[in-house]
Protein backbone atom coordinates (compact mmCIF):
# COMPACT_ATOMS: atom_id res chain seq x y z
CA MET A 1 63.55 -39.01 123.19
CA ALA A 2 60.83 -36.58 122.11
CA SER A 3 58.21 -39.34 122.28
CA ILE A 4 59.37 -40.20 125.82
CA GLY A 5 59.05 -36.55 126.76
CA ARG A 6 55.53 -36.38 125.35
CA ALA A 7 54.54 -39.57 127.16
CA SER A 8 55.98 -38.26 130.43
CA ALA A 9 54.11 -34.98 130.01
CA LEU A 10 50.88 -36.88 129.34
CA LEU A 11 51.32 -39.02 132.46
CA ALA A 12 52.32 -36.07 134.65
CA SER A 13 49.40 -33.95 133.47
CA GLY A 14 46.96 -36.82 134.09
CA THR A 15 48.31 -37.33 137.59
CA LEU A 16 48.15 -33.61 138.37
CA VAL A 17 44.57 -33.21 137.09
CA SER A 18 43.49 -36.32 138.97
CA ARG A 19 45.02 -35.09 142.24
CA LEU A 20 43.43 -31.66 141.88
CA LEU A 21 40.04 -33.21 141.23
CA GLY A 22 40.66 -35.60 144.13
CA PHE A 23 41.14 -32.59 146.40
CA ALA A 24 37.94 -31.06 145.06
CA LYS A 25 36.11 -34.32 145.78
CA ALA A 26 37.54 -34.50 149.32
CA TRP A 27 36.60 -30.86 149.95
CA LEU A 28 33.02 -31.43 148.75
CA LEU A 29 32.72 -34.55 150.89
CA VAL A 30 33.75 -32.65 154.03
CA GLN A 31 31.27 -29.90 153.15
CA ALA A 32 28.55 -32.52 152.69
CA ILE A 33 28.97 -34.60 155.87
CA GLY A 34 31.37 -32.60 158.06
CA ALA A 35 34.77 -33.54 159.45
CA VAL A 36 33.80 -34.62 162.98
CA SER A 37 30.11 -35.38 162.48
CA PHE A 38 28.12 -38.54 163.32
CA ALA A 39 28.49 -39.83 159.75
CA ALA A 40 32.12 -38.82 159.13
CA ASN A 41 33.96 -41.75 160.69
CA ALA A 42 31.24 -44.18 159.63
CA TYR A 43 31.63 -43.18 155.98
CA GLY A 44 35.41 -42.82 156.13
CA THR A 45 35.89 -46.29 157.61
CA ALA A 46 33.36 -47.96 155.30
CA THR A 47 35.08 -46.57 152.21
CA ALA A 48 38.55 -47.45 153.54
CA ILE A 49 37.67 -51.14 153.98
CA PRO A 50 37.53 -52.00 150.24
CA ASN A 51 40.91 -50.34 149.70
CA SER A 52 42.41 -52.36 152.57
CA VAL A 53 41.00 -55.64 151.28
CA TYR A 54 42.10 -54.71 147.76
CA ALA A 55 45.63 -53.99 148.98
CA ILE A 56 45.92 -57.34 150.76
CA ILE A 57 44.36 -59.63 148.16
CA THR A 58 44.45 -58.07 144.73
CA GLN A 59 47.44 -55.73 144.91
CA GLY A 60 49.77 -58.50 146.04
CA LEU A 61 48.34 -60.84 143.40
CA LEU A 62 48.50 -58.23 140.65
CA ASN A 63 51.86 -56.57 141.24
CA ALA A 64 53.82 -59.69 142.10
CA VAL A 65 52.05 -62.42 140.09
CA LEU A 66 49.77 -61.35 137.25
CA VAL A 67 51.52 -58.21 135.99
CA PRO A 68 54.92 -59.88 135.39
CA GLN A 69 53.10 -62.66 133.50
CA ILE A 70 51.30 -60.09 131.35
CA VAL A 71 54.57 -58.37 130.47
CA ARG A 72 56.17 -61.69 129.50
CA ALA A 73 53.15 -62.74 127.43
CA SER A 74 53.16 -59.46 125.48
CA VAL A 75 56.25 -60.55 123.52
CA ASN A 76 54.52 -63.70 122.17
CA PRO A 77 53.83 -63.87 118.42
CA ASP A 78 50.13 -63.11 118.95
CA GLY A 79 50.97 -60.22 121.27
CA GLY A 80 49.89 -62.36 124.20
CA ARG A 81 46.19 -62.03 123.32
CA ALA A 82 45.18 -65.58 124.22
CA TYR A 83 47.23 -65.69 127.41
CA ILE A 84 46.10 -62.22 128.50
CA ASN A 85 42.44 -63.19 128.10
CA LYS A 86 43.04 -66.20 130.35
CA LEU A 87 44.78 -64.09 132.98
CA VAL A 88 42.19 -61.31 132.92
CA THR A 89 39.37 -63.84 133.20
CA LEU A 90 41.13 -65.50 136.14
CA GLY A 91 41.72 -62.13 137.78
CA MET A 92 38.08 -61.10 137.32
CA VAL A 93 36.87 -64.33 138.92
CA ILE A 94 39.19 -63.84 141.91
CA PHE A 95 38.22 -60.19 142.32
CA ALA A 96 34.50 -61.02 142.07
CA LEU A 97 34.77 -63.79 144.67
CA VAL A 98 36.67 -61.54 147.08
CA ALA A 99 34.17 -58.70 146.57
CA VAL A 100 31.15 -60.98 147.13
CA VAL A 101 32.61 -62.54 150.29
CA ALA A 102 33.72 -59.16 151.66
CA THR A 103 30.29 -57.63 150.99
CA ALA A 104 28.61 -60.54 152.77
CA LEU A 105 30.94 -59.97 155.72
CA ALA A 106 30.33 -56.20 155.80
CA PRO A 107 29.02 -56.12 159.41
CA ALA A 108 32.02 -58.10 160.67
CA LEU A 109 34.50 -55.96 158.73
CA VAL A 110 32.96 -52.75 160.05
CA ALA A 111 33.32 -54.09 163.60
CA LEU A 112 36.91 -55.21 162.87
CA PHE A 113 37.86 -51.67 161.82
CA GLY A 114 36.62 -50.28 165.13
CA VAL A 115 33.50 -48.28 164.23
CA LEU A 116 31.72 -47.36 167.43
CA PRO A 117 28.46 -49.26 168.14
CA ALA A 118 26.34 -46.12 167.74
CA GLN A 119 27.68 -45.59 164.20
CA ARG A 120 27.95 -49.25 163.20
CA ASP A 121 24.59 -49.61 161.45
CA LEU A 122 25.25 -46.56 159.28
CA ALA A 123 28.80 -47.69 158.53
CA THR A 124 27.53 -51.13 157.54
CA ALA A 125 25.01 -49.57 155.17
CA PHE A 126 27.81 -47.52 153.59
CA ALA A 127 29.99 -50.66 153.41
CA TYR A 128 27.38 -52.66 151.48
CA TRP A 129 27.57 -50.02 148.74
CA SER A 130 31.35 -49.55 149.00
CA LEU A 131 32.76 -53.10 149.12
CA PRO A 132 31.91 -53.94 145.47
CA GLN A 133 34.69 -51.44 144.68
CA ILE A 134 37.12 -54.32 145.35
CA PHE A 135 36.15 -55.90 142.03
CA PHE A 136 36.43 -52.70 140.04
CA LEU A 137 39.70 -51.59 141.68
CA GLY A 138 41.26 -54.93 140.77
CA LEU A 139 39.85 -54.82 137.25
CA TYR A 140 41.11 -51.26 136.72
CA THR A 141 44.65 -52.18 137.77
CA LEU A 142 44.65 -55.37 135.70
CA LEU A 143 43.31 -53.76 132.52
CA GLY A 144 45.60 -50.77 132.99
CA GLU A 145 48.70 -52.93 133.35
CA VAL A 146 47.80 -54.73 130.14
CA LEU A 147 47.64 -51.36 128.38
CA ASN A 148 50.95 -50.29 129.99
CA ALA A 149 52.58 -53.51 128.74
CA LYS A 150 51.38 -52.50 125.26
CA LYS A 151 53.01 -49.05 125.70
CA SER A 152 49.64 -47.30 125.99
CA PHE A 153 50.11 -45.33 129.22
CA GLY A 154 47.57 -42.51 128.91
CA PRO A 155 44.29 -44.32 129.68
CA PHE A 156 45.54 -45.81 132.94
CA THR A 157 46.63 -42.36 134.15
CA TRP A 158 43.60 -40.40 132.96
CA ALA A 159 40.85 -42.86 133.96
CA PRO A 160 40.92 -41.69 137.63
CA VAL A 161 40.04 -38.21 136.34
CA VAL A 162 36.72 -39.62 135.12
CA ASN A 163 36.23 -41.37 138.46
CA ASN A 164 36.69 -38.08 140.31
CA VAL A 165 34.33 -36.26 137.95
CA VAL A 166 31.59 -38.86 138.57
CA ALA A 167 32.15 -38.63 142.34
CA ILE A 168 32.07 -34.82 142.27
CA VAL A 169 28.79 -34.83 140.33
CA THR A 170 27.15 -37.25 142.78
CA LEU A 171 28.38 -35.20 145.74
CA CYS A 172 26.89 -32.06 144.19
CA ILE A 173 23.59 -33.89 143.70
CA PHE A 174 23.72 -35.05 147.32
CA ILE A 175 24.30 -31.50 148.61
CA VAL A 176 21.49 -30.09 146.45
CA ALA A 177 19.08 -32.87 147.47
CA PHE A 178 19.90 -33.25 151.17
CA GLY A 179 21.87 -30.16 152.17
CA ALA A 180 25.44 -29.73 153.40
CA SER A 181 26.87 -30.04 156.88
CA ALA A 182 28.85 -26.85 156.22
CA THR A 183 25.58 -24.90 155.88
CA GLY A 184 23.86 -26.38 158.92
CA SER A 185 22.39 -29.70 157.74
CA GLN A 186 23.27 -32.15 160.52
CA HIS A 187 22.28 -35.41 158.74
CA GLN A 188 21.64 -37.25 162.00
CA SER A 189 19.08 -39.48 160.24
CA TRP A 190 20.15 -41.26 157.05
CA SER A 191 17.65 -42.65 154.56
CA PRO A 192 18.50 -45.51 152.16
CA GLY A 193 18.50 -42.98 149.34
CA MET A 194 21.09 -40.79 151.06
CA VAL A 195 23.34 -43.80 151.69
CA ALA A 196 22.94 -45.06 148.13
CA LEU A 197 23.72 -41.68 146.57
CA LEU A 198 26.79 -40.97 148.72
CA ALA A 199 28.45 -44.39 148.85
CA GLY A 200 26.96 -45.73 145.63
CA GLY A 201 28.14 -42.64 143.76
CA ALA A 202 31.72 -43.34 144.87
CA THR A 203 31.43 -46.95 143.70
CA LEU A 204 29.95 -45.83 140.37
CA GLY A 205 33.01 -43.63 139.79
CA VAL A 206 35.38 -46.56 140.42
CA ALA A 207 33.30 -48.79 138.11
CA VAL A 208 33.41 -46.25 135.26
CA GLN A 209 37.16 -45.82 135.81
CA ALA A 210 37.67 -49.57 135.30
CA LEU A 211 35.19 -50.36 132.55
CA MET A 212 36.25 -47.47 130.29
CA LEU A 213 39.65 -49.12 129.85
CA PHE A 214 38.06 -51.87 127.75
CA VAL A 215 37.46 -49.20 125.10
CA PHE A 216 41.20 -48.63 124.75
CA TRP A 217 41.99 -52.32 124.36
CA ARG A 218 40.85 -52.24 120.74
CA ARG A 219 43.31 -49.43 120.05
CA VAL A 220 46.23 -51.68 121.01
CA GLY A 221 44.96 -54.66 119.01
CA LEU A 222 43.28 -56.56 121.85
CA ARG A 223 39.73 -57.85 122.03
CA PHE A 224 38.59 -59.27 125.33
CA ARG A 225 36.61 -62.47 125.65
CA LEU A 226 36.13 -64.62 128.71
CA ASP A 227 38.46 -67.62 128.65
CA PHE A 228 38.23 -70.15 131.47
CA GLY A 229 40.88 -72.46 129.98
CA TRP A 230 43.39 -71.80 132.75
CA ARG A 231 45.47 -74.94 132.24
CA GLY A 232 49.03 -73.92 131.41
CA VAL A 233 48.75 -70.46 132.91
CA ASN A 234 51.58 -71.51 135.29
CA LEU A 235 51.47 -68.96 138.10
CA GLY A 236 53.29 -71.18 140.59
CA THR A 237 56.76 -69.68 140.25
CA ALA A 238 55.49 -66.12 140.31
CA GLY A 239 53.27 -66.98 143.27
CA LYS A 240 56.28 -68.07 145.31
CA ALA A 241 58.08 -64.82 144.46
CA ALA A 242 55.02 -62.90 145.65
CA GLY A 243 55.27 -64.35 149.15
CA TRP A 244 57.36 -61.56 150.69
CA THR A 245 55.28 -58.86 148.99
CA PHE A 246 52.05 -60.43 150.23
CA ALA A 247 53.43 -60.75 153.77
CA MET A 248 54.52 -57.10 153.71
CA LEU A 249 51.00 -56.03 152.69
CA ILE A 250 49.50 -58.10 155.49
CA ALA A 251 51.76 -56.42 158.06
CA THR A 252 50.89 -52.96 156.75
CA GLN A 253 47.15 -53.60 156.82
CA VAL A 254 47.24 -55.05 160.35
CA ALA A 255 48.83 -51.79 161.49
CA GLY A 256 46.15 -49.90 159.55
CA ILE A 257 43.35 -51.79 161.29
CA VAL A 258 44.83 -50.93 164.69
CA GLU A 259 45.06 -47.26 163.66
CA SER A 260 41.42 -47.33 162.56
CA ASN A 261 40.24 -48.84 165.85
CA VAL A 262 42.10 -46.35 168.03
CA SER A 263 41.22 -43.26 165.97
CA ASN A 264 37.53 -44.27 165.75
CA SER A 265 37.44 -44.57 169.55
CA ALA A 266 37.75 -40.78 169.86
CA GLY A 267 34.02 -40.51 169.14
CA GLU A 268 31.81 -37.89 167.55
CA GLY A 269 32.98 -34.29 167.83
CA ASN A 270 36.68 -35.17 167.94
CA ALA A 271 39.20 -35.75 165.17
CA GLY A 272 38.94 -39.39 164.15
CA PHE A 273 39.52 -41.70 161.22
CA PHE A 274 37.83 -39.42 158.66
CA VAL A 275 39.95 -36.43 159.69
CA MET A 276 43.05 -38.62 159.47
CA GLN A 277 42.08 -39.66 155.93
CA ASN A 278 41.89 -36.04 154.79
CA ALA A 279 45.11 -35.09 156.57
CA TRP A 280 46.81 -38.05 154.88
CA LEU A 281 45.52 -36.84 151.50
CA ILE A 282 47.33 -33.52 152.06
CA PHE A 283 50.41 -35.33 153.39
CA MET A 284 50.60 -37.47 150.25
CA LEU A 285 50.41 -34.55 147.82
CA PRO A 286 54.12 -33.53 147.94
CA HIS A 287 55.17 -37.17 148.22
CA GLY A 288 53.16 -38.15 145.14
CA ILE A 289 54.24 -35.20 143.02
CA ILE A 290 57.89 -34.94 144.12
CA ALA A 291 59.22 -38.18 145.61
CA VAL A 292 57.36 -40.56 143.31
CA SER A 293 58.38 -38.57 140.23
CA ILE A 294 62.06 -38.52 141.25
CA VAL A 295 62.12 -42.21 142.18
CA THR A 296 60.38 -43.16 138.92
CA ALA A 297 63.04 -41.27 136.96
CA TYR A 298 65.89 -43.10 138.73
CA TYR A 299 64.35 -46.54 139.26
CA THR A 300 64.98 -47.98 135.80
CA ARG A 301 68.58 -46.71 135.75
CA MET A 302 69.26 -48.20 139.18
CA ALA A 303 67.84 -51.54 138.03
CA GLU A 304 70.10 -51.44 134.96
CA HIS A 305 73.15 -50.67 137.15
CA ALA A 306 72.22 -53.55 139.45
CA GLN A 307 71.83 -55.95 136.54
CA ARG A 308 75.30 -55.01 135.22
CA GLY A 309 76.80 -55.24 138.70
CA SER A 310 77.86 -51.59 138.61
CA VAL A 311 77.69 -50.85 142.35
CA ALA A 312 79.36 -47.43 142.10
CA ALA A 313 76.87 -46.17 139.51
CA PHE A 314 73.99 -47.62 141.53
CA ARG A 315 75.20 -45.87 144.67
CA ASP A 316 75.68 -42.57 142.84
CA ASP A 317 72.15 -42.64 141.42
CA PHE A 318 70.69 -43.56 144.80
CA SER A 319 72.53 -40.68 146.45
CA SER A 320 71.44 -38.22 143.76
CA ALA A 321 67.81 -39.31 144.06
CA ALA A 322 67.82 -39.17 147.88
CA ARG A 323 69.33 -35.66 147.91
CA ALA A 324 66.91 -34.43 145.25
CA ILE A 325 63.97 -35.77 147.27
CA MET A 326 65.20 -34.09 150.46
CA LEU A 327 65.76 -30.74 148.72
CA PHE A 328 62.08 -30.42 147.86
CA ILE A 329 60.41 -32.53 150.56
CA VAL A 330 62.12 -30.71 153.46
CA PHE A 331 60.68 -27.43 152.20
CA ALA A 332 57.28 -28.98 151.51
CA SER A 333 57.04 -30.42 155.02
CA ALA A 334 58.19 -27.13 156.61
CA ALA A 335 55.71 -25.04 154.60
CA LEU A 336 52.80 -27.41 155.25
CA ILE A 337 53.54 -27.58 158.99
CA VAL A 338 53.43 -23.78 159.32
CA THR A 339 50.29 -23.45 157.20
CA SER A 340 48.56 -26.58 158.52
CA TYR A 341 45.77 -24.68 160.31
CA PRO A 342 44.88 -22.44 157.33
CA ILE A 343 45.01 -25.49 155.03
CA ALA A 344 42.72 -27.38 157.42
CA ARG A 345 40.39 -24.35 157.41
CA VAL A 346 40.04 -24.69 153.64
CA PHE A 347 38.47 -28.10 154.29
CA THR A 348 36.44 -27.47 157.43
CA SER A 349 35.52 -24.96 160.12
CA ASP A 350 36.71 -27.63 162.58
CA TYR A 351 40.27 -26.75 161.61
CA GLN A 352 41.47 -26.96 165.20
CA ALA A 353 40.69 -30.68 165.14
CA MET A 354 42.36 -31.34 161.79
CA GLY A 355 45.43 -29.09 162.13
CA PRO A 356 47.28 -31.07 164.82
CA VAL A 357 46.71 -34.34 162.93
CA LEU A 358 48.21 -32.82 159.79
CA ILE A 359 51.24 -31.50 161.70
CA ALA A 360 51.81 -34.88 163.33
CA TYR A 361 51.82 -36.62 159.96
CA LEU A 362 54.07 -34.01 158.33
CA VAL A 363 56.80 -34.56 160.92
CA GLY A 364 57.38 -37.89 159.16
CA LEU A 365 57.13 -36.74 155.54
CA VAL A 366 60.89 -36.68 154.84
CA PRO A 367 61.62 -40.17 156.26
CA PHE A 368 58.46 -41.52 154.61
CA SER A 369 59.71 -40.41 151.17
CA LEU A 370 63.22 -41.70 151.85
CA VAL A 371 61.84 -45.11 152.84
CA PHE A 372 60.01 -45.19 149.52
CA MET A 373 63.31 -44.47 147.79
CA ALA A 374 65.12 -47.21 149.74
CA GLN A 375 62.34 -49.70 149.07
CA ARG A 376 62.61 -49.14 145.31
CA ALA A 377 66.40 -49.44 145.56
CA PHE A 378 66.00 -52.92 147.04
CA TYR A 379 63.46 -53.82 144.35
CA SER A 380 65.93 -52.75 141.67
CA LEU A 381 68.40 -55.19 143.28
CA GLY A 382 65.78 -57.93 143.02
CA ASP A 383 65.40 -58.06 146.81
CA THR A 384 61.82 -58.20 148.18
CA ARG A 385 62.74 -59.83 151.49
CA THR A 386 64.60 -56.89 153.04
CA PRO A 387 61.74 -54.38 152.48
CA PHE A 388 59.55 -56.92 154.28
CA VAL A 389 61.95 -56.82 157.25
CA PHE A 390 61.94 -53.05 157.71
CA THR A 391 58.20 -52.81 156.97
CA VAL A 392 57.40 -55.41 159.65
CA ALA A 393 59.58 -53.44 162.08
CA GLN A 394 57.65 -50.27 161.27
CA SER A 395 54.29 -52.05 161.60
CA ALA A 396 55.26 -53.50 164.99
CA ILE A 397 56.21 -50.04 166.27
CA ILE A 398 52.93 -48.62 164.97
CA VAL A 399 50.82 -51.35 166.55
CA VAL A 400 52.44 -50.97 169.99
CA GLY A 401 52.58 -47.16 169.88
CA VAL A 402 49.04 -46.71 168.55
CA LEU A 403 47.58 -49.05 171.18
CA LEU A 404 49.21 -46.84 173.82
CA CYS A 405 47.23 -43.93 172.35
CA PHE A 406 44.10 -45.34 174.00
CA ALA A 407 45.54 -43.72 177.14
CA VAL A 408 45.56 -40.17 175.75
CA PRO A 409 42.48 -37.90 175.83
CA PRO A 410 40.04 -38.34 172.91
CA GLU A 411 40.64 -34.75 171.79
CA ILE A 412 44.26 -35.50 170.78
CA ARG A 413 44.00 -39.23 170.12
CA ALA A 414 44.01 -38.97 166.31
CA ALA A 415 47.00 -36.60 166.38
CA SER A 416 48.80 -39.01 168.72
CA VAL A 417 48.18 -41.89 166.29
CA ALA A 418 49.55 -39.78 163.43
CA LEU A 419 52.64 -38.89 165.49
CA VAL A 420 53.30 -42.57 166.23
CA VAL A 421 53.15 -43.27 162.47
CA SER A 422 55.71 -40.50 161.87
CA ILE A 423 58.06 -41.80 164.57
CA ALA A 424 57.78 -45.29 163.10
CA SER A 425 58.68 -43.87 159.67
CA MET A 426 61.81 -42.25 161.13
CA ILE A 427 62.97 -45.52 162.67
CA GLN A 428 62.08 -47.38 159.48
CA ALA A 429 64.16 -44.96 157.40
CA VAL A 430 67.23 -45.43 159.59
CA LEU A 431 66.82 -49.22 159.43
CA ALA A 432 66.23 -49.23 155.66
CA PHE A 433 69.34 -47.15 154.97
CA ALA A 434 71.43 -49.32 157.29
CA LEU A 435 70.28 -52.49 155.55
CA LEU A 436 70.86 -50.97 152.11
CA ARG A 437 74.36 -49.89 153.19
CA ARG A 438 75.07 -53.46 154.23
CA SER A 439 73.76 -54.82 150.92
CA THR A 440 75.66 -52.43 148.66
CA GLY A 441 78.74 -51.59 150.73
CA GLY A 442 77.64 -47.98 151.21
CA VAL A 443 74.97 -45.41 150.33
CA ASP A 444 77.17 -42.32 149.94
CA ALA A 445 76.20 -41.36 153.51
CA GLY A 446 78.72 -38.51 153.66
CA ARG A 447 77.13 -36.54 150.83
CA ILE A 448 73.58 -37.39 151.92
CA LEU A 449 74.17 -36.23 155.51
CA GLY A 450 76.08 -33.19 154.27
CA SER A 451 73.05 -32.19 152.24
CA LEU A 452 70.58 -33.06 155.00
CA TRP A 453 72.05 -30.68 157.58
CA ARG A 454 71.91 -27.81 155.08
CA PHE A 455 68.28 -28.61 154.23
CA ALA A 456 67.43 -28.87 157.96
CA VAL A 457 68.99 -25.47 158.77
CA ALA A 458 67.23 -23.83 155.81
CA GLY A 459 63.96 -25.53 156.72
CA LEU A 460 64.10 -24.36 160.35
CA ALA A 461 64.87 -20.81 159.22
CA ALA A 462 61.91 -20.96 156.83
CA ILE A 463 59.65 -22.22 159.64
CA VAL A 464 60.64 -19.31 161.90
CA ALA A 465 60.06 -16.79 159.09
CA GLY A 466 56.79 -18.39 158.01
CA ALA A 467 55.41 -18.66 161.55
CA GLY A 468 56.33 -15.02 162.20
CA PHE A 469 54.56 -13.89 159.05
CA LEU A 470 51.52 -15.99 159.95
CA VAL A 471 51.36 -14.19 163.31
CA ILE A 472 51.58 -10.84 161.48
CA LEU A 473 48.59 -11.90 159.38
CA GLY A 474 46.62 -12.58 162.55
CA GLY A 475 47.58 -16.05 163.71
CA VAL A 476 45.27 -19.06 163.87
CA GLU A 477 42.93 -18.21 166.74
CA PRO A 478 39.22 -18.32 165.85
CA GLY A 479 38.24 -15.24 163.87
CA ALA A 480 41.80 -14.42 162.74
CA PHE A 481 42.18 -13.63 159.05
CA PRO A 482 44.16 -16.79 158.07
CA VAL A 483 41.36 -19.03 159.43
CA SER A 484 38.32 -16.79 158.92
CA GLY A 485 37.20 -18.64 155.80
CA ALA A 486 38.35 -20.79 152.91
CA ILE A 487 39.41 -17.87 150.68
CA PRO A 488 41.37 -15.99 153.38
CA ALA A 489 43.01 -19.30 154.33
CA ILE A 490 44.16 -19.85 150.74
CA ILE A 491 45.50 -16.28 150.55
CA ALA A 492 47.36 -16.61 153.86
CA THR A 493 48.80 -19.97 152.84
CA ALA A 494 50.07 -18.55 149.55
CA ILE A 495 51.67 -15.49 151.21
CA VAL A 496 53.38 -17.50 153.94
CA GLY A 497 54.49 -20.12 151.40
CA VAL A 498 56.21 -17.51 149.22
CA VAL A 499 57.99 -15.99 152.24
CA MET A 500 59.19 -19.43 153.34
CA LEU A 501 60.38 -20.33 149.84
CA VAL A 502 62.47 -17.15 149.58
CA VAL A 503 64.05 -17.82 152.99
CA TYR A 504 64.66 -21.51 152.26
CA VAL A 505 66.35 -20.87 148.91
CA GLY A 506 68.28 -17.90 150.33
CA ILE A 507 69.70 -19.88 153.26
CA LEU A 508 70.70 -22.77 150.98
CA GLY A 509 72.44 -20.24 148.77
CA LEU A 510 74.35 -18.84 151.73
CA LEU A 511 75.32 -22.37 152.76
CA ARG A 512 76.56 -22.99 149.19
CA SER A 513 74.41 -26.06 148.75
CA PRO A 514 75.39 -27.84 145.49
CA ASP A 515 71.99 -29.57 145.50
CA LEU A 516 70.23 -26.22 145.17
CA GLU A 517 71.89 -25.49 141.84
CA ASN A 518 71.17 -29.01 140.61
CA GLY A 519 67.54 -28.73 141.67
CA LEU A 520 67.08 -25.35 140.01
CA ALA A 521 69.03 -26.32 136.89
CA PRO A 522 65.93 -26.92 134.70
CA VAL A 523 64.52 -23.49 135.61
CA LEU A 524 67.89 -21.78 135.13
CA ASN A 525 68.42 -23.51 131.81
CA ARG A 526 65.09 -22.25 130.50
CA ALA A 527 65.71 -18.73 131.80
CA GLY A 528 69.31 -18.48 130.66
CA GLY A 529 69.14 -20.56 127.51
CA ARG A 530 72.33 -22.40 128.37
CA ALA A 531 73.26 -25.84 129.62
CA ARG A 532 74.25 -26.57 133.18
CA THR A 533 75.85 -29.77 134.23
CA PRO A 534 74.60 -31.21 137.53
CA ARG A 535 77.30 -32.03 140.03
């Protein structure tokens, strides 16, 4: 148990450091090229393309086909060394082919993702440097999963830290060499050297992140050599099982391409795709730290309950996880909504463009995290088809709703796209829970809804208190203290956040929320030195 605790602490600390450095990298990037500048959407779209291609091709192949084969091979007498070398070689060939083809098609891909004609040449130049990331992203995931199968979890978690460090260094070099948008450098003309340093530096970080994992192979008794003897690899069965996962990824990426086209149409000077990327980064912070951690803790237990056919235990764990997620995520979404303008000001002086986008995304944070929980519940039941159903429904809503956003003014188009995504997440959550209820005979809806109304009341009270305190500090009009600079914005965010936390916890206490005591049990145990049994 102690070793599990140490491993968990190692993984959590790696994730936290990586996310903090990721925020530093994102902040530096906005300082370098601006949030609504000529280059912003061009760079943002060009660097999003390799991740989209990677998600469609390599993520589906890896998660549903290659990774399960690696895990099975690891129990062979030779530790799976021969088989793993075959699989890794096969994966590298596939990733390389996809990266080469995608790079050759860079102009077409840039056009597909909706970059405006005036920015298309610059975006294509960025894409030529960015698309090779497909190979290294696939290699990183493949090598990392081999290490995970060998119970070596640290390298896979900490490698992104190195990636972020490399990217931060190259961004600092770029700012020193060519100036920063935040200090008046407009960067209307881009030389090949500027493009290579900015986009090539990002690709270098991903390459180092992947290649450094080879070093750790030796520590787990593996030595890589290319092996093209693929006869007997037998991926057919796993490939069929990957069908629903692959189809789900396709649906998600189609919706993403539509979002990119509509948000890019807003044009220079308005919030667009690059602003949406940074708002999404903030949106994902509480989800990644809270929801993913809670789901990870419950996922294995739920899978064990499902395997034994213990429906009651499965339902109880699902209910506990859902209520734990809501306890923290409701507060996180409320606090981030109130402080969205000061948080946006930390990134850019164009905070009035970024703030509404962030608010629109945050409206859907709770359902987004609950959908993630429901999706993993279905996976623990061995069901990949049903998540495909509710993901396709969400994607269809996004496509139709986002296309309608062409009709709204460019100034609020990106925020409108983000709001459509949030509404789609709400509908998806309702559908996912309904389908899970049908599959399991119930999801403990009474307790979940009983907790939700308490969280909603406490969250609304916290929003009122936080908004009032933000007004006392000066509000969010230009020149007001909370948005007068990055440091004042951080101070205002911290003050308002503390006020909202006190109100949120206080209201839940008055409403006698049993989830509050369960959520605070670890803190109370440490403070009081006594055990508390969660209800």
